[in-house]
Amino acid sequence: MKSLLYILLMYIPMSSNQNGKGGIVRGYAYVTESFRGAQIKVTDENGRDKVEPTQMHKSYQFYVELRKGVTIEPQIIWIDGIAYKASFQTVDKVPVLNRTETIGNNSNVDTLVAKTTNAVLHLWQDGLAQTTNKPELKKIGLDYLCEGKKYRFLFKDAINLAPRILQ
């Protein structure tokens, strides 16, 4: 019974930003898949050459648009149930664009954050976070402090950007 009460008390100070009381107006989540371009040949223990399969790596980037006059302190970024430390910096120039080179001299340009007069933060995960007594969030979310209160912002599903092939 005490543990149930403790769990309920943990949820009370953690307000959801979805009701508009937190400092975030809008959030954007993006994922880029990267593939190693070169195939690596290795020799196994029997002396046979084999090609290592190309592994995919996902990198995430997040942007949050803040209400006017509000500052936040990002704490934890949740991705698929794993907690990461949140690092951030203020975006100096909006709109935020992502340019991807394509075949030839062409490129695709995606607008990650539209032009706004509000402050925008760029967030990324910075190693695993040590969390104790916190429930895992299976979606993509951000735990942050705003004016001394804890909030959680839930991002919509991450938008896939053009994959990158590394060489």
Foldseek 3Di string as FASTA:
>chain_A
DVVVVVLVVVVVLAAACPVVPFFFDAKAKAKAKEWAQDWDWDADPVRDIDTDDIDIDIFMKMKTFGDPPWDKFWAWKAEQQFTFGKDKDKDPDPQDWDWAQDPDRDIDIDRRHHDDPTIMMMIGGDGGDDDDSDGTDRATWIWIDIPRTIYIYGHDHHHYDYYHHHD
